[in-house]
Amino acid sequence: MPQFGGFISDKLEIKFLILYIAARLSDSVPFEALQELSMCDEGVDYFDFSQCMSDLVRTEHLRLTDGRYAITDKGRSNSAATEDSLPYSVRMQAEKNIAVYNQHLRRNALIGAEITQRPSGSYTVTLSLSDEQESVMKLELLVTKEAMAKELQKRFRKDAETLYSKIISALYEFD
């Protein structure tokens, strides 16, 4: 049952919204991301959303692989045919949220932070940064504990651009 103020009024419209969003994402996403992006209207609740997601996978409008959802050709075709039935204000809010999320996906695709355990029991943390054309930096660090490796990975992913700038500055300071 939609909450007061929601433009989405039934499960069919929720499905249209999910497909509209999935068709505009630059990569496959986890359930939680589609849920967050779909909550752009008060008429969408978690339980209906969850059921609609299951239905869309069952009917092959969405594909679920390794915990990530992607739109299929069938879903993309149906999304194109039904997108005008979504209220304009809902589409505009969804577009705004999708743009932010796609920017987040693009940034994450340019930042690499992998951990591999060495035979000795220590860990190699490989940190990389690229622009959309080529690799800008690749750095391998040896650490003795997995917790240290995970912390380096987390910090690099959070602020890779600033760390890259600091490394460049530090290298130019030496004469």
Protein backbone atom coordinates (compact mmCIF):
# COMPACT_ATOMS: atom_id res chain seq x y z
CA MET A 1 0.00 0.00 0.00
CA PRO A 2 1.61 3.30 -1.02
CA GLN A 3 2.39 5.87 1.61
CA PHE A 4 0.89 9.35 1.39
CA GLY A 5 2.65 11.42 -1.23
CA GLY A 6 4.00 8.55 -3.33
CA PHE A 7 3.47 8.53 -7.09
CA ILE A 8 4.22 4.81 -7.44
CA SER A 9 1.00 2.97 -6.67
CA ASP A 10 1.49 -0.74 -7.43
CA LYS A 11 4.01 -3.52 -8.02
CA LEU A 12 3.90 -3.13 -11.79
CA GLU A 13 5.09 0.47 -11.46
CA ILE A 14 7.82 -0.66 -9.04
CA LYS A 15 8.99 -3.13 -11.68
CA PHE A 16 8.99 -0.37 -14.30
CA LEU A 17 11.06 1.79 -11.94
CA ILE A 18 13.56 -1.00 -11.23
CA LEU A 19 14.01 -1.63 -14.95
CA TYR A 20 14.29 2.10 -15.63
CA ILE A 21 17.10 2.34 -13.07
CA ALA A 22 18.89 -0.88 -14.09
CA ALA A 23 18.89 0.19 -17.75
CA ARG A 24 20.82 3.33 -16.83
CA LEU A 25 23.45 1.86 -14.52
CA SER A 26 26.94 1.49 -15.93
CA ASP A 27 27.55 -1.88 -14.27
CA SER A 28 25.86 -4.67 -12.36
CA VAL A 29 25.01 -3.78 -8.76
CA PRO A 30 24.14 -5.52 -5.49
CA PHE A 31 20.55 -5.77 -4.24
CA GLU A 32 21.10 -2.98 -1.73
CA ALA A 33 22.16 -0.51 -4.43
CA LEU A 34 19.05 -1.14 -6.52
CA GLN A 35 16.95 -0.91 -3.38
CA GLU A 36 18.45 2.43 -2.39
CA LEU A 37 18.07 3.83 -5.89
CA SER A 38 14.45 2.63 -6.09
CA MET A 39 13.45 4.27 -2.83
CA CYS A 40 13.17 7.60 -4.64
CA ASP A 41 9.40 7.55 -4.20
CA GLU A 42 7.35 7.08 -1.03
CA GLY A 43 5.16 4.52 -2.80
CA VAL A 44 8.01 1.98 -2.86
CA ASP A 45 8.39 -0.19 0.23
CA TYR A 46 11.00 -2.84 0.96
CA PHE A 47 8.69 -5.85 0.83
CA ASP A 48 7.09 -4.98 -2.51
CA PHE A 49 10.50 -4.03 -3.89
CA SER A 50 11.99 -7.36 -2.80
CA GLN A 51 9.16 -9.33 -4.38
CA CYS A 52 9.44 -7.32 -7.61
CA MET A 53 13.16 -8.03 -7.79
CA SER A 54 12.50 -11.77 -7.49
CA ASP A 55 9.82 -11.56 -10.17
CA LEU A 56 12.12 -9.66 -12.55
CA VAL A 57 14.86 -12.27 -12.14
CA ARG A 58 12.36 -15.11 -12.58
CA THR A 59 10.98 -13.53 -15.78
CA GLU A 60 14.54 -12.88 -17.03
CA HIS A 61 14.26 -9.09 -17.09
CA LEU A 62 17.17 -8.98 -14.64
CA ARG A 63 20.10 -11.38 -14.32
CA LEU A 64 21.57 -12.26 -10.92
CA THR A 65 25.23 -13.27 -11.00
CA ASP A 66 27.46 -13.51 -7.93
CA GLY A 67 25.10 -11.36 -5.86
CA ARG A 68 24.91 -8.61 -8.48
CA TYR A 69 21.98 -7.64 -10.67
CA ALA A 70 22.16 -6.54 -14.30
CA ILE A 71 19.46 -5.81 -16.82
CA THR A 72 18.98 -8.27 -19.68
CA ASP A 73 18.15 -7.42 -23.29
CA LYS A 74 14.55 -8.37 -22.53
CA GLY A 75 14.54 -6.04 -19.53
CA ARG A 76 16.12 -3.20 -21.51
CA SER A 77 13.52 -3.57 -24.26
CA ASN A 78 10.63 -3.57 -21.78
CA SER A 79 12.13 -0.64 -19.89
CA ALA A 80 12.27 1.43 -23.07
CA ALA A 81 8.64 0.59 -23.83
CA THR A 82 7.34 1.47 -20.34
CA GLU A 83 9.53 4.32 -19.08
CA ASP A 84 7.04 7.01 -20.10
CA SER A 85 4.46 5.47 -17.79
CA LEU A 86 6.57 6.46 -14.76
CA PRO A 87 5.70 9.85 -13.28
CA TYR A 88 8.05 12.59 -14.46
CA SER A 89 9.08 13.58 -10.93
CA VAL A 90 10.00 9.98 -10.10
CA ARG A 91 12.10 9.67 -13.28
CA MET A 92 13.91 12.93 -12.53
CA GLN A 93 14.71 11.88 -8.95
CA ALA A 94 15.84 8.47 -10.19
CA GLU A 95 18.05 10.11 -12.86
CA LYS A 96 19.70 12.31 -10.24
CA ASN A 97 20.42 9.32 -7.97
CA ILE A 98 21.63 7.19 -10.90
CA ALA A 99 24.08 9.89 -12.00
CA VAL A 100 25.63 9.99 -8.53
CA TYR A 101 25.79 6.20 -8.32
CA ASN A 102 27.31 5.84 -11.81
CA GLN A 103 29.97 8.36 -10.87
CA HIS A 104 30.73 6.22 -7.82
CA LEU A 105 30.94 3.08 -10.02
CA ARG A 106 33.28 4.81 -12.49
CA ARG A 107 35.58 5.98 -9.70
CA ASN A 108 35.71 2.52 -8.15
CA ALA A 109 36.55 0.99 -11.53
CA LEU A 110 39.63 3.22 -11.75
CA ILE A 111 40.95 2.26 -8.31
CA GLY A 112 42.48 -1.14 -7.62
CA ALA A 113 43.42 -2.50 -4.22
CA GLU A 114 44.17 -6.21 -4.09
CA ILE A 115 45.58 -8.38 -1.33
CA THR A 116 47.51 -11.59 -1.95
CA GLN A 117 49.09 -13.81 0.64
CA ARG A 118 52.70 -14.80 0.04
CA PRO A 119 54.04 -18.30 0.75
CA SER A 120 55.95 -16.84 3.70
CA GLY A 121 52.67 -15.81 5.36
CA SER A 122 53.10 -12.09 4.72
CA TYR A 123 50.84 -10.13 2.37
CA THR A 124 51.27 -8.05 -0.75
CA VAL A 125 48.92 -5.12 -1.15
CA THR A 126 48.77 -3.98 -4.76
CA LEU A 127 47.38 -0.47 -5.12
CA SER A 128 46.64 0.97 -8.53
CA LEU A 129 45.08 4.05 -9.98
CA SER A 130 44.20 4.74 -13.58
CA ASP A 131 42.44 7.34 -15.60
CA GLU A 132 40.03 6.19 -18.23
CA GLN A 133 42.88 5.67 -20.72
CA GLU A 134 45.78 4.04 -18.90
CA SER A 135 47.45 3.20 -15.61
CA VAL A 136 48.62 6.20 -13.61
CA MET A 137 50.20 4.34 -10.70
CA LYS A 138 50.83 0.83 -9.45
CA LEU A 139 52.35 0.28 -6.03
CA GLU A 140 53.08 -2.99 -4.26
CA LEU A 141 53.55 -3.01 -0.53
CA LEU A 142 54.64 -5.83 1.75
CA VAL A 143 52.89 -6.09 5.12
CA THR A 144 53.12 -8.76 7.78
CA LYS A 145 49.48 -9.00 8.90
CA GLU A 146 46.22 -9.41 7.04
CA ALA A 147 44.58 -6.72 9.18
CA MET A 148 47.25 -4.25 8.04
CA ALA A 149 46.68 -5.22 4.42
CA LYS A 150 42.92 -4.71 4.73
CA GLU A 151 43.41 -1.33 6.39
CA LEU A 152 45.74 -0.16 3.59
CA GLN A 153 43.24 -1.40 1.02
CA LYS A 154 40.38 0.44 2.73
CA ARG A 155 42.29 3.70 3.10
CA PHE A 156 43.51 3.65 -0.49
CA ARG A 157 40.02 3.03 -1.88
CA LYS A 158 38.67 5.87 0.24
CA ASP A 159 41.17 8.52 -0.86
CA ALA A 160 43.31 7.22 -3.74
CA GLU A 161 43.53 10.54 -5.55
CA THR A 162 44.90 12.39 -2.51
CA LEU A 163 47.39 9.63 -1.75
CA TYR A 164 48.60 9.69 -5.35
CA SER A 165 49.12 13.46 -5.13
CA LYS A 166 51.05 13.08 -1.86
CA ILE A 167 53.33 10.44 -3.38
CA ILE A 168 54.05 12.65 -6.39
CA SER A 169 54.71 15.65 -4.11
CA ALA A 170 56.98 13.64 -1.87
CA LEU A 171 58.99 12.37 -4.85
CA TYR A 172 59.43 15.90 -6.20
CA GLU A 173 60.63 17.20 -2.84
CA PHE A 174 63.83 15.17 -3.06
CA ASP A 175 66.75 16.94 -4.73
